[in-house]
Amino acid sequence: MTNLVTNVQSSVEARPEAPAVVYDDHEFSYEEFWAQTGQFAAALRDRGVEPGERVALYLPNLPQLVAAFHGALRAGCVVVPMNPQYKSREISHLLSDSGATTVVALADVVPFVEEVRDDTDVENLVTVGGEADAGTPFREFLVEDGDTSVTERADDDLAVQPYTSGTTGQPKGVQLTHRNLASNAKQSMDIVPDGLQPEDRKIGVLPLFHIYGMTVGMNAALFGGATFYPLPAWDAEEALSLVEDAELTLFDAVPAMYNDIVNQPNPEDFDLSTLRQCTVGGSGIPIEVLRRFEEIYPIRIDEGYGLTETSPVTHFNSPNWGRRVGSIGKTLEGIDARIVTEDFEEIAPVDEGPVDEADYDMDEITGELVVSGPNVMKGYLGLPEANREAFTEADGKRWFHTGDIGYHDEDGYFYVVDRKKHMINTAGYNVYPREVEELLFEHEAVADAAVVGIPDERRGETIKAFVVRRPDSDVTADEIRDYCLESMAEYKHPREVEFVDELPRTTTGKVQKYELVEE
């Protein structure tokens, strides 16, 4: 296989005049889209950017992101997606660790890049929308008469390097290859009833910096010659109106989005009859939300499972093999999964799930979910110890440890019953408490702090901070929340703050977070 972008090139050759990307009533045909990716690739080459160099995309869901993503790959570069909600504190590590030499950023966030630029290898700054004091506007950056060829890449060459937090809270570079991403995009096409078709119209409400939106949304749509409709921000009414007006056929979202939909003032006023599949991932969807959605609309929600490290989808409740509510589904073709003990011994399946926990000794039927397949990452960048912990070689295969605890049944369905230790999953975003805690400790009024996830009807979990004030301090909860919002993405800040006299700790000084959660 060559560069994964050749899969898009095949769609261009098959349907040059068909719409590839539609945004704000403007259609970009496959031919127009392909020309723009070539101009972006030529611009990188013109500025001396070599194959293998990192190109960071610091954008919401806009056509420029789609073009820059595939243009960077066309030039043989590695894409580093960055959350557009991040601020300078958060992008500093991503840019310095990746060694990105080019950043494509929304004009509004250019000041954050400039603030940390001297500590990074960034040479080229490209701006999108509005006005920025630094950088080159996207359209001016493009080169029309340059080298637009597709750089050949090997299956094992890197294509995208997203960042995910580890249990320490330090973001880790996930090395995803052309084979990883191409294979999973094609697998994502196959989970659609009768396969994803060129006539399909897919909404892009999932953020494209996230692997779910990137692979299942954008890449699957373009690989299949379908039409992709990106939206830069989530708004339930806007999304539903787009589905109705454009007669969209495929809808991917996280549980919080479906919760917003069913809680619209008049959700039944929207006609979603053109949809032929809705998928959900990022975290488990509450059964009540699923039930309410399917009562209102003539379409069911199919649930799947995956991680950034697996490109992402490993399991799915596809209509092609049936849905089992409460399950993450069966493995996709070419992917293997096991439930294992700490000694990597396989745990036998139950007869049929989901089980009533009152009828089973859950310790006997559950273990860690491990997966193997062409979609599993090459490894974490520059972290040999983390890689040793993440993988086990067994039976001629390389197994990735998901860190999630679950069980499986005789029919091949898998069930996750517990999440990674300490991780908080809020509205589909992974947040590790230590990152928030370290920021809290920098506040002059904070003597001690611990962060946990607590149940939230809309987000699944929300973030709560337990804070011990310094003597004579009268800092308020609102001040703590505002302080966090100044330095990190909105979804990471603690929505609840409780002041306590002391934190429960073990004799070795570790905070006993389970006690805080129980409280």
Protein backbone atom coordinates (compact mmCIF):
# COMPACT_ATOMS: atom_id res chain seq x y z
CA MET A 1 0.00 0.00 0.00
CA THR A 2 1.10 3.58 -0.62
CA ASN A 3 0.11 6.80 1.08
CA LEU A 4 -3.41 6.42 2.54
CA VAL A 5 -4.46 9.57 0.69
CA THR A 6 -4.52 7.50 -2.50
CA ASN A 7 -7.83 6.12 -1.24
CA VAL A 8 -9.22 9.64 -1.59
CA GLN A 9 -7.55 9.94 -4.99
CA SER A 10 -9.54 6.90 -6.10
CA SER A 11 -12.76 8.70 -5.17
CA VAL A 12 -11.60 11.76 -7.14
CA GLU A 13 -10.95 9.66 -10.23
CA ALA A 14 -14.31 7.88 -9.92
CA ARG A 15 -16.46 10.96 -9.11
CA PRO A 16 -14.56 14.16 -10.01
CA GLU A 17 -17.64 16.40 -10.20
CA ALA A 18 -19.52 14.90 -7.24
CA PRO A 19 -19.58 16.92 -3.98
CA ALA A 20 -16.83 15.90 -1.56
CA VAL A 21 -17.24 18.53 1.18
CA VAL A 22 -20.23 20.80 1.77
CA TYR A 23 -19.93 23.69 4.23
CA ASP A 24 -22.19 26.67 4.73
CA ASP A 25 -24.00 26.12 1.40
CA HIS A 26 -20.73 25.89 -0.53
CA GLU A 27 -19.94 22.65 -2.33
CA PHE A 28 -16.40 21.50 -3.01
CA SER A 29 -16.36 18.84 -5.71
CA TYR A 30 -13.89 15.99 -5.44
CA GLU A 31 -11.90 17.60 -8.22
CA GLU A 32 -11.82 20.98 -6.44
CA PHE A 33 -11.00 19.37 -3.11
CA TRP A 34 -8.18 17.32 -4.61
CA ALA A 35 -6.75 20.41 -6.30
CA GLN A 36 -6.64 22.24 -2.95
CA THR A 37 -4.89 19.35 -1.21
CA GLY A 38 -2.31 19.44 -4.00
CA GLN A 39 -1.81 23.17 -3.56
CA PHE A 40 -1.28 22.68 0.16
CA ALA A 41 1.23 19.88 -0.47
CA ALA A 42 3.04 22.08 -3.00
CA ALA A 43 3.16 24.93 -0.47
CA LEU A 44 4.79 22.69 2.12
CA ARG A 45 7.40 21.54 -0.38
CA ASP A 46 7.98 25.11 -1.54
CA ARG A 47 8.84 26.06 2.04
CA GLY A 48 11.26 23.18 2.48
CA VAL A 49 9.02 20.92 4.57
CA GLU A 50 10.28 17.37 4.10
CA PRO A 51 8.39 14.05 4.21
CA GLY A 52 8.09 12.86 7.80
CA GLU A 53 7.95 16.37 9.26
CA ARG A 54 5.02 17.17 11.53
CA VAL A 55 2.20 19.50 10.48
CA ALA A 56 -0.05 20.54 13.38
CA LEU A 57 -3.71 21.32 12.70
CA TYR A 58 -5.18 23.62 15.35
CA LEU A 59 -8.65 24.05 13.86
CA PRO A 60 -12.35 23.33 14.38
CA ASN A 61 -14.29 21.36 11.75
CA LEU A 62 -13.72 23.51 8.66
CA PRO A 63 -13.06 22.67 4.99
CA GLN A 64 -9.51 24.00 5.43
CA LEU A 65 -8.82 21.30 8.02
CA VAL A 66 -10.00 18.59 5.65
CA ALA A 67 -7.83 19.96 2.83
CA ALA A 68 -4.76 20.55 5.03
CA PHE A 69 -5.05 17.08 6.57
CA HIS A 70 -4.95 15.30 3.23
CA GLY A 71 -2.57 17.85 1.72
CA ALA A 72 -0.05 17.21 4.47
CA LEU A 73 -0.33 13.46 3.90
CA ARG A 74 0.04 14.04 0.16
CA ALA A 75 3.38 15.69 0.87
CA GLY A 76 4.42 12.72 3.02
CA CYS A 77 4.13 14.65 6.28
CA VAL A 78 2.70 13.51 9.61
CA VAL A 79 -0.43 15.28 10.88
CA VAL A 80 -0.56 16.36 14.53
CA PRO A 81 -4.20 17.20 15.35
CA MET A 82 -4.73 19.64 18.23
CA ASN A 83 -7.92 20.49 20.07
CA PRO A 84 -8.95 24.06 19.08
CA GLN A 85 -10.14 24.57 22.66
CA TYR A 86 -6.58 24.18 23.94
CA LYS A 87 -4.66 27.20 25.15
CA SER A 88 -0.93 27.93 25.15
CA ARG A 89 -0.27 25.85 28.25
CA GLU A 90 -1.74 22.77 26.58
CA ILE A 91 -0.31 23.12 23.07
CA SER A 92 3.20 23.82 24.32
CA HIS A 93 3.98 20.17 25.02
CA LEU A 94 2.25 18.92 21.87
CA LEU A 95 4.27 21.22 19.61
CA SER A 96 7.61 20.71 21.34
CA ASP A 97 7.25 16.95 21.77
CA SER A 98 6.12 16.38 18.18
CA GLY A 99 8.67 18.76 16.70
CA ALA A 100 6.01 20.25 14.42
CA THR A 101 7.48 22.72 11.94
CA THR A 102 4.16 23.93 10.49
CA VAL A 103 0.96 24.93 12.28
CA VAL A 104 -2.38 25.66 10.63
CA ALA A 105 -4.44 27.58 13.17
CA LEU A 106 -7.70 29.46 13.46
CA ALA A 107 -6.92 33.16 13.66
CA ASP A 108 -8.49 33.36 17.13
CA VAL A 109 -5.94 30.94 18.61
CA VAL A 110 -2.85 32.24 16.81
CA PRO A 111 -1.83 34.24 19.95
CA PHE A 112 -1.48 30.94 21.84
CA VAL A 113 0.90 29.63 19.17
CA GLU A 114 2.90 32.83 19.24
CA GLU A 115 3.16 32.66 23.02
CA VAL A 116 5.00 29.31 22.90
CA ARG A 117 6.59 29.52 19.45
CA ASP A 118 10.09 30.35 20.67
CA ASP A 119 10.17 27.08 22.63
CA THR A 120 9.22 24.96 19.60
CA ASP A 121 10.44 24.16 16.07
CA VAL A 122 7.53 25.95 14.40
CA GLU A 123 8.70 27.77 11.25
CA ASN A 124 5.48 28.10 9.24
CA LEU A 125 2.27 29.50 10.70
CA VAL A 126 -0.82 29.38 8.50
CA THR A 127 -3.99 31.17 9.59
CA VAL A 128 -7.64 30.44 8.84
CA GLY A 129 -10.45 32.98 9.06
CA GLY A 130 -10.48 36.44 10.64
CA GLU A 131 -7.35 38.48 11.07
CA ALA A 132 -4.16 37.48 12.83
CA ASP A 133 -1.11 39.58 13.66
CA ALA A 134 1.18 36.75 12.60
CA GLY A 135 1.24 34.02 10.01
CA THR A 136 0.13 33.61 6.40
CA PRO A 137 -3.56 33.38 5.47
CA PHE A 138 -4.51 29.91 4.24
CA ARG A 139 -5.37 30.95 0.68
CA GLU A 140 -2.14 32.93 0.33
CA PHE A 141 -0.14 29.97 1.62
CA LEU A 142 -1.32 27.67 -1.18
CA VAL A 143 0.89 27.21 -4.26
CA GLU A 144 -0.98 26.66 -7.53
CA ASP A 145 1.93 25.79 -9.83
CA GLY A 146 4.09 23.50 -7.74
CA ASP A 147 4.84 19.86 -6.99
CA THR A 148 1.45 18.29 -6.22
CA SER A 149 2.54 14.66 -6.45
CA VAL A 150 1.62 12.07 -3.84
CA THR A 151 4.65 11.06 -1.79
CA GLU A 152 4.95 7.29 -1.53
CA ARG A 153 4.83 6.00 2.02
CA ALA A 154 5.23 2.49 3.41
CA ASP A 155 2.47 0.80 5.39
CA ASP A 156 4.44 1.27 8.60
CA ASP A 157 5.29 4.94 8.03
CA LEU A 158 3.56 7.41 10.34
CA ALA A 159 0.55 9.30 9.04
CA VAL A 160 -1.04 10.94 12.11
CA GLN A 161 0.21 11.59 15.62
CA PRO A 162 -2.64 12.53 17.97
CA TYR A 163 -2.00 12.99 21.67
CA THR A 164 -3.70 11.17 24.49
CA SER A 165 -3.13 11.52 28.21
CA GLY A 166 -1.64 8.70 30.24
CA THR A 167 -2.38 7.91 33.85
CA THR A 168 0.19 10.54 34.82
CA GLY A 169 -1.72 13.18 32.87
CA GLN A 170 1.24 13.82 30.54
CA PRO A 171 0.02 13.78 26.92
CA LYS A 172 1.53 10.93 24.89
CA GLY A 173 2.08 10.98 21.16
CA VAL A 174 0.19 8.09 19.58
CA GLN A 175 1.97 6.94 16.43
CA LEU A 176 -0.62 5.88 13.86
CA THR A 177 0.59 4.55 10.53
CA HIS A 178 -0.89 4.71 7.05
CA ARG A 179 -1.91 1.07 7.43
CA ASN A 180 -3.54 1.72 10.83
CA LEU A 181 -5.73 4.54 9.58
CA ALA A 182 -6.52 3.22 6.10
CA SER A 183 -7.54 -0.19 7.42
CA ASN A 184 -9.82 1.26 10.09
CA ALA A 185 -11.47 3.74 7.72
CA LYS A 186 -12.29 0.84 5.40
CA GLN A 187 -13.55 -1.21 8.36
CA SER A 188 -15.73 1.77 9.33
CA MET A 189 -17.21 1.78 5.82
CA ASP A 190 -18.16 -1.88 6.21
CA ILE A 191 -20.17 -1.40 9.42
CA VAL A 192 -22.74 0.68 7.54
CA PRO A 193 -25.74 -1.39 6.35
CA ASP A 194 -24.84 -2.63 2.84
CA GLY A 195 -21.60 -0.67 3.14
CA LEU A 196 -20.97 3.08 2.86
CA GLN A 197 -22.13 4.22 -0.59
CA PRO A 198 -21.10 7.15 -2.85
CA GLU A 199 -24.66 8.46 -2.52
CA ASP A 200 -24.32 8.75 1.27
CA ARG A 201 -24.21 12.14 2.94
CA LYS A 202 -22.41 12.08 6.32
CA ILE A 203 -22.53 14.75 9.00
CA GLY A 204 -19.29 15.89 10.65
CA VAL A 205 -20.30 17.01 14.14
CA LEU A 206 -17.60 14.97 15.89
CA PRO A 207 -14.41 17.04 16.27
CA LEU A 208 -11.92 16.15 13.56
CA PHE A 209 -8.94 16.48 15.90
CA HIS A 210 -10.40 13.41 17.63
CA ILE A 211 -9.75 10.00 16.09
CA TYR A 212 -13.47 9.07 16.06
CA GLY A 213 -14.46 12.01 13.87
CA MET A 214 -11.28 11.73 11.81
CA THR A 215 -11.59 8.04 10.88
CA VAL A 216 -15.28 7.12 11.12
CA GLY A 217 -16.47 10.50 9.90
CA MET A 218 -14.11 12.26 7.51
CA ASN A 219 -11.90 9.48 6.14
CA ALA A 220 -14.62 6.86 5.76
CA ALA A 221 -16.80 9.36 3.87
CA LEU A 222 -14.03 10.44 1.49
CA PHE A 223 -12.73 6.91 0.96
CA GLY A 224 -16.24 5.88 -0.09
CA GLY A 225 -16.78 8.80 -2.44
CA ALA A 226 -19.59 10.11 -0.24
CA THR A 227 -20.27 13.74 0.76
CA PHE A 228 -18.98 15.08 4.09
CA TYR A 229 -20.74 17.94 5.92
CA PRO A 230 -18.45 19.35 8.67
CA LEU A 231 -19.86 21.56 11.43
CA PRO A 232 -17.36 23.64 13.46
CA ALA A 233 -19.34 23.55 16.71
CA TRP A 234 -21.99 21.30 18.18
CA ASP A 235 -25.49 22.70 18.25
CA ALA A 236 -28.33 20.18 18.38
CA GLU A 237 -30.86 22.33 16.54
CA GLU A 238 -28.37 23.25 13.82
CA ALA A 239 -27.32 19.63 13.36
CA LEU A 240 -30.91 18.37 13.16
CA SER A 241 -31.83 21.11 10.72
CA LEU A 242 -28.88 20.15 8.53
CA VAL A 243 -29.92 16.49 8.55
CA GLU A 244 -33.43 17.47 7.50
CA ASP A 245 -32.54 20.12 4.89
CA ALA A 246 -29.65 18.23 3.24
CA GLU A 247 -31.34 14.84 3.64
CA LEU A 248 -28.27 13.34 5.29
CA THR A 249 -28.00 9.58 5.58
CA LEU A 250 -25.26 8.91 8.20
CA PHE A 251 -24.91 10.42 11.68
CA ASP A 252 -22.03 9.81 14.12
CA ALA A 253 -22.07 11.29 17.63
CA VAL A 254 -21.18 10.83 21.30
CA PRO A 255 -23.81 10.12 24.01
CA ALA A 256 -24.01 13.75 25.18
CA MET A 257 -25.06 14.81 21.69
CA TYR A 258 -27.91 12.31 21.61
CA ASN A 259 -28.92 13.48 25.07
CA ASP A 260 -29.06 17.07 23.78
CA ILE A 261 -31.17 15.94 20.83
CA VAL A 262 -33.85 14.21 22.89
CA ASN A 263 -33.95 17.18 25.27
CA GLN A 264 -34.70 19.70 22.53
CA PRO A 265 -37.99 21.57 23.20
CA ASN A 266 -39.69 19.82 20.27
CA PRO A 267 -37.41 17.05 18.99
CA GLU A 268 -40.24 15.42 17.07
CA ASP A 269 -40.48 18.51 14.82
CA PHE A 270 -37.33 17.43 12.95
CA ASP A 271 -37.61 14.94 10.11
CA LEU A 272 -34.70 12.49 10.30
CA SER A 273 -36.29 9.90 8.04
CA THR A 274 -33.41 10.05 5.51
CA LEU A 275 -30.92 8.71 8.08
CA ARG A 276 -30.04 5.06 7.55
CA GLN A 277 -27.54 4.74 10.40
CA CYS A 278 -26.69 6.52 13.64
CA THR A 279 -23.55 5.50 15.52
CA VAL A 280 -22.37 6.31 19.03
CA GLY A 281 -18.96 6.00 20.65
CA GLY A 282 -16.58 7.82 22.96
CA SER A 283 -18.32 6.41 26.03
CA GLY A 284 -21.29 4.19 26.84
CA ILE A 285 -24.65 5.68 25.97
CA PRO A 286 -27.27 5.61 28.76
CA ILE A 287 -29.97 3.14 27.80
CA GLU A 288 -32.66 5.72 28.64
CA VAL A 289 -31.21 8.19 26.12
CA LEU A 290 -31.04 5.46 23.48
CA ARG A 291 -34.62 4.45 24.21
CA ARG A 292 -35.97 8.00 24.02
CA PHE A 293 -34.15 8.72 20.75
CA GLU A 294 -35.49 5.58 19.13
CA GLU A 295 -39.02 6.36 20.33
CA ILE A 296 -38.90 9.76 18.62
CA TYR A 297 -37.13 8.88 15.38
CA PRO A 298 -37.42 5.94 12.95
CA ILE A 299 -33.75 5.01 13.23
CA ARG A 300 -31.77 3.03 15.77
CA ILE A 301 -28.42 3.91 17.36
CA ASP A 302 -25.59 1.42 16.83
CA GLU A 303 -22.93 1.48 19.56
CA GLY A 304 -19.23 0.83 19.10
CA TYR A 305 -15.96 0.91 21.02
CA GLY A 306 -12.42 2.01 20.36
CA LEU A 307 -9.46 4.07 21.48
CA THR A 308 -7.09 6.58 19.95
CA GLU A 309 -4.42 3.86 20.02
CA THR A 310 -6.60 1.60 17.85
CA SER A 311 -7.43 4.15 15.14
CA PRO A 312 -10.12 3.87 16.80
CA VAL A 313 -12.83 1.24 16.21
CA THR A 314 -12.34 -2.33 17.44
CA HIS A 315 -15.92 -3.39 18.27
CA PHE A 316 -19.31 -2.50 16.89
CA ASN A 317 -23.00 -3.43 17.05
CA SER A 318 -23.42 -3.47 13.29
CA PRO A 319 -26.78 -4.16 11.66
CA ASN A 320 -24.82 -6.65 9.57
CA TRP A 321 -24.57 -8.98 12.58
CA GLY A 322 -27.08 -7.61 15.06
CA ARG A 323 -27.19 -5.34 18.08
CA ARG A 324 -27.13 -6.33 21.73
CA VAL A 325 -28.01 -3.38 23.97
CA GLY A 326 -25.48 -2.98 26.76
CA SER A 327 -22.69 -4.49 24.65
CA ILE A 328 -19.89 -2.73 22.79
CA GLY A 329 -20.51 -5.26 20.00
CA LYS A 330 -18.38 -7.75 18.15
CA THR A 331 -14.87 -7.23 16.82
CA LEU A 332 -14.51 -5.83 13.31
CA GLU A 333 -13.12 -8.06 10.58
CA GLY A 334 -9.37 -8.61 10.99
CA ILE A 335 -9.35 -7.58 14.66
CA ASP A 336 -8.94 -10.02 17.54
CA ALA A 337 -9.91 -9.41 21.16
CA ARG A 338 -9.57 -11.30 24.42
CA ILE A 339 -10.50 -10.91 28.06
CA VAL A 340 -7.44 -11.81 30.12
CA THR A 341 -6.19 -12.05 33.68
CA GLU A 342 -3.20 -10.14 34.99
CA ASP A 343 -1.10 -13.16 33.94
CA PHE A 344 -2.53 -12.92 30.43
CA GLU A 345 -4.59 -16.07 30.74
CA GLU A 346 -7.81 -16.08 28.75
CA ILE A 347 -11.07 -15.87 30.69
CA ALA A 348 -13.90 -18.03 29.39
CA PRO A 349 -17.01 -16.34 28.00
CA VAL A 350 -20.42 -16.40 29.66
CA ASP A 351 -23.29 -18.08 27.82
CA GLU A 352 -25.05 -14.88 26.87
CA GLY A 353 -24.80 -11.25 27.94
CA PRO A 354 -25.45 -8.79 29.27
CA VAL A 355 -25.46 -10.55 32.60
CA ASP A 356 -27.23 -9.67 35.81
CA GLU A 357 -24.33 -8.89 38.12
CA ALA A 358 -26.33 -10.30 41.03
CA ASP A 359 -26.18 -13.73 39.38
CA TYR A 360 -22.41 -13.82 38.83
CA ASP A 361 -19.17 -13.42 40.68
CA MET A 362 -17.93 -10.62 38.44
CA ASP A 363 -14.31 -11.22 39.46
CA GLU A 364 -14.54 -14.65 37.84
CA ILE A 365 -15.92 -13.54 34.47
CA THR A 366 -14.18 -10.19 34.02
CA GLY A 367 -10.66 -9.25 33.04
CA GLU A 368 -8.78 -6.73 30.93
CA LEU A 369 -9.81 -6.25 27.32
CA VAL A 370 -6.83 -6.64 24.95
CA VAL A 371 -6.93 -6.26 21.17
CA SER A 372 -4.76 -7.07 18.18
CA GLY A 373 -5.08 -6.04 14.52
CA PRO A 374 -3.90 -3.84 11.66
CA ASN A 375 -5.45 -0.80 13.33
CA VAL A 376 -3.33 -0.97 16.52
CA MET A 377 -0.82 1.87 16.85
CA LYS A 378 2.90 1.54 16.25
CA GLY A 379 3.53 2.80 19.77
CA TYR A 380 3.87 5.91 21.91
CA LEU A 381 6.47 8.43 20.76
CA GLY A 382 9.69 8.23 22.75
CA LEU A 383 8.19 6.31 25.67
CA PRO A 384 9.74 2.81 25.77
CA GLU A 385 8.47 2.05 29.27
CA ALA A 386 4.90 3.00 28.35
CA ASN A 387 5.17 0.81 25.26
CA ARG A 388 6.36 -2.15 27.30
CA GLU A 389 3.33 -1.76 29.54
CA ALA A 390 0.96 -1.29 26.63
CA PHE A 391 1.81 -4.42 24.65
CA THR A 392 2.11 -8.16 25.19
CA GLU A 393 3.46 -10.59 22.58
CA ALA A 394 1.50 -13.86 22.66
CA ASP A 395 0.52 -16.58 20.17
CA GLY A 396 2.32 -14.78 17.36
CA LYS A 397 0.37 -11.56 17.86
CA ARG A 398 1.00 -8.17 19.42
CA TRP A 399 -1.76 -7.41 21.90
CA PHE A 400 -2.63 -3.91 23.09
CA HIS A 401 -3.82 -3.47 26.68
CA THR A 402 -6.87 -1.20 26.66
CA GLY A 403 -6.93 -0.83 30.43
CA ASP A 404 -10.69 -1.43 30.35
CA ILE A 405 -12.30 -4.23 32.34
CA GLY A 406 -15.03 -6.37 30.84
CA TYR A 407 -16.33 -9.80 29.85
CA HIS A 408 -17.59 -11.52 26.68
CA ASP A 409 -20.18 -14.09 25.73
CA GLU A 410 -20.40 -17.20 23.56
CA ASP A 411 -21.93 -15.21 20.70
CA GLY A 412 -18.84 -13.01 20.43
CA TYR A 413 -20.24 -9.86 22.06
CA PHE A 414 -18.05 -7.91 24.48
CA TYR A 415 -19.09 -5.82 27.50
CA VAL A 416 -17.08 -3.14 29.33
CA VAL A 417 -17.89 -2.79 33.02
CA ASP A 418 -15.21 -0.43 34.27
CA ARG A 419 -12.98 2.26 32.82
CA LYS A 420 -9.29 2.92 33.06
CA LYS A 421 -8.10 3.74 36.54
CA HIS A 422 -8.76 7.35 37.47
CA MET A 423 -9.71 8.47 33.97
CA ILE A 424 -12.75 10.73 33.65
CA ASN A 425 -14.80 10.47 30.45
CA THR A 426 -16.88 13.59 30.05
CA ALA A 427 -19.04 13.94 26.93
CA GLY A 428 -16.70 11.65 25.03
CA TYR A 429 -13.50 13.45 26.07
CA ASN A 430 -10.89 11.73 28.20
CA VAL A 431 -9.63 13.82 31.11
CA TYR A 432 -7.01 12.65 33.57
CA PRO A 433 -7.30 14.21 37.04
CA ARG A 434 -3.60 14.87 37.56
CA GLU A 435 -3.50 17.50 34.81
CA VAL A 436 -6.25 19.47 36.55
CA GLU A 437 -4.74 18.85 39.98
CA GLU A 438 -1.34 20.19 38.94
CA LEU A 439 -2.97 23.40 37.76
CA LEU A 440 -4.92 23.70 41.02
CA PHE A 441 -1.73 23.35 43.04
CA GLU A 442 -0.34 26.39 41.22
CA HIS A 443 -3.11 28.55 42.68
CA GLU A 444 -1.82 30.54 45.63
CA ALA A 445 -4.90 29.81 47.71
CA VAL A 446 -4.83 26.02 47.28
CA ALA A 447 -3.07 23.88 49.87
CA ASP A 448 -4.22 20.49 48.60
CA ALA A 449 -6.51 19.20 45.87
CA ALA A 450 -7.93 16.06 44.30
CA VAL A 451 -10.08 15.67 41.22
CA VAL A 452 -12.60 12.90 40.52
CA GLY A 453 -15.37 12.14 38.07
CA ILE A 454 -18.95 12.12 39.30
CA PRO A 455 -22.11 10.97 37.46
CA ASP A 456 -23.67 13.51 35.12
CA GLU A 457 -26.91 12.91 33.22
CA ARG A 458 -25.79 14.75 30.08
CA ARG A 459 -22.02 14.16 29.95
CA GLY A 460 -21.86 10.72 31.51
CA GLU A 461 -19.36 12.09 34.02
CA THR A 462 -18.41 15.58 35.07
CA ILE A 463 -15.35 16.84 36.90
CA LYS A 464 -15.38 17.66 40.58
CA ALA A 465 -12.51 19.16 42.55
CA PHE A 466 -12.02 18.73 46.29
CA VAL A 467 -9.92 21.64 47.52
CA VAL A 468 -8.18 22.36 50.80
CA ARG A 469 -7.75 26.12 51.19
CA ARG A 470 -4.56 27.65 52.51
CA PRO A 471 -4.90 29.21 55.99
CA ASP A 472 -6.75 32.55 56.00
CA SER A 473 -7.79 32.10 52.36
CA ASP A 474 -11.36 32.84 51.34
CA VAL A 475 -11.12 31.79 47.69
CA THR A 476 -14.52 30.85 46.26
CA ALA A 477 -15.63 27.99 44.05
CA ASP A 478 -16.36 30.42 41.20
CA GLU A 479 -12.82 31.80 41.44
CA ILE A 480 -11.37 28.29 41.23
CA ARG A 481 -13.50 27.47 38.19
CA ASP A 482 -12.58 30.73 36.43
CA TYR A 483 -8.90 30.15 37.17
CA CYS A 484 -9.00 26.73 35.52
CA LEU A 485 -10.91 28.06 32.52
CA GLU A 486 -8.14 30.57 31.86
CA SER A 487 -5.54 27.84 31.37
CA MET A 488 -7.28 24.80 29.92
CA ALA A 489 -10.03 23.64 27.61
CA GLU A 490 -13.56 24.23 28.86
CA TYR A 491 -14.46 20.54 29.14
CA LYS A 492 -11.55 19.91 31.53
CA HIS A 493 -12.41 22.48 34.17
CA PRO A 494 -14.12 21.34 37.40
CA ARG A 495 -17.81 22.16 37.19
CA GLU A 496 -18.15 21.39 40.86
CA VAL A 497 -15.78 22.52 43.61
CA GLU A 498 -16.07 21.40 47.21
CA PHE A 499 -13.87 22.76 49.99
CA VAL A 500 -12.73 20.27 52.63
CA ASP A 501 -10.50 20.46 55.69
CA GLU A 502 -8.33 17.56 54.53
CA LEU A 503 -8.19 14.79 51.92
CA PRO A 504 -8.38 11.10 52.85
CA ARG A 505 -4.93 9.58 52.31
CA THR A 506 -3.20 6.23 52.76
CA THR A 507 -0.21 5.84 55.06
CA THR A 508 2.02 6.34 52.02
CA GLY A 509 0.38 9.66 51.22
CA LYS A 510 -1.83 8.63 48.29
CA VAL A 511 -5.27 10.21 48.10
CA GLN A 512 -8.03 7.62 48.51
CA LYS A 513 -10.21 8.86 45.68
CA TYR A 514 -12.77 6.13 46.03
CA GLU A 515 -13.78 7.70 49.35
CA LEU A 516 -14.30 11.05 47.64
CA VAL A 517 -16.43 9.43 44.94
CA GLU A 518 -18.52 7.61 47.56
CA GLU A 519 -19.14 10.89 49.32
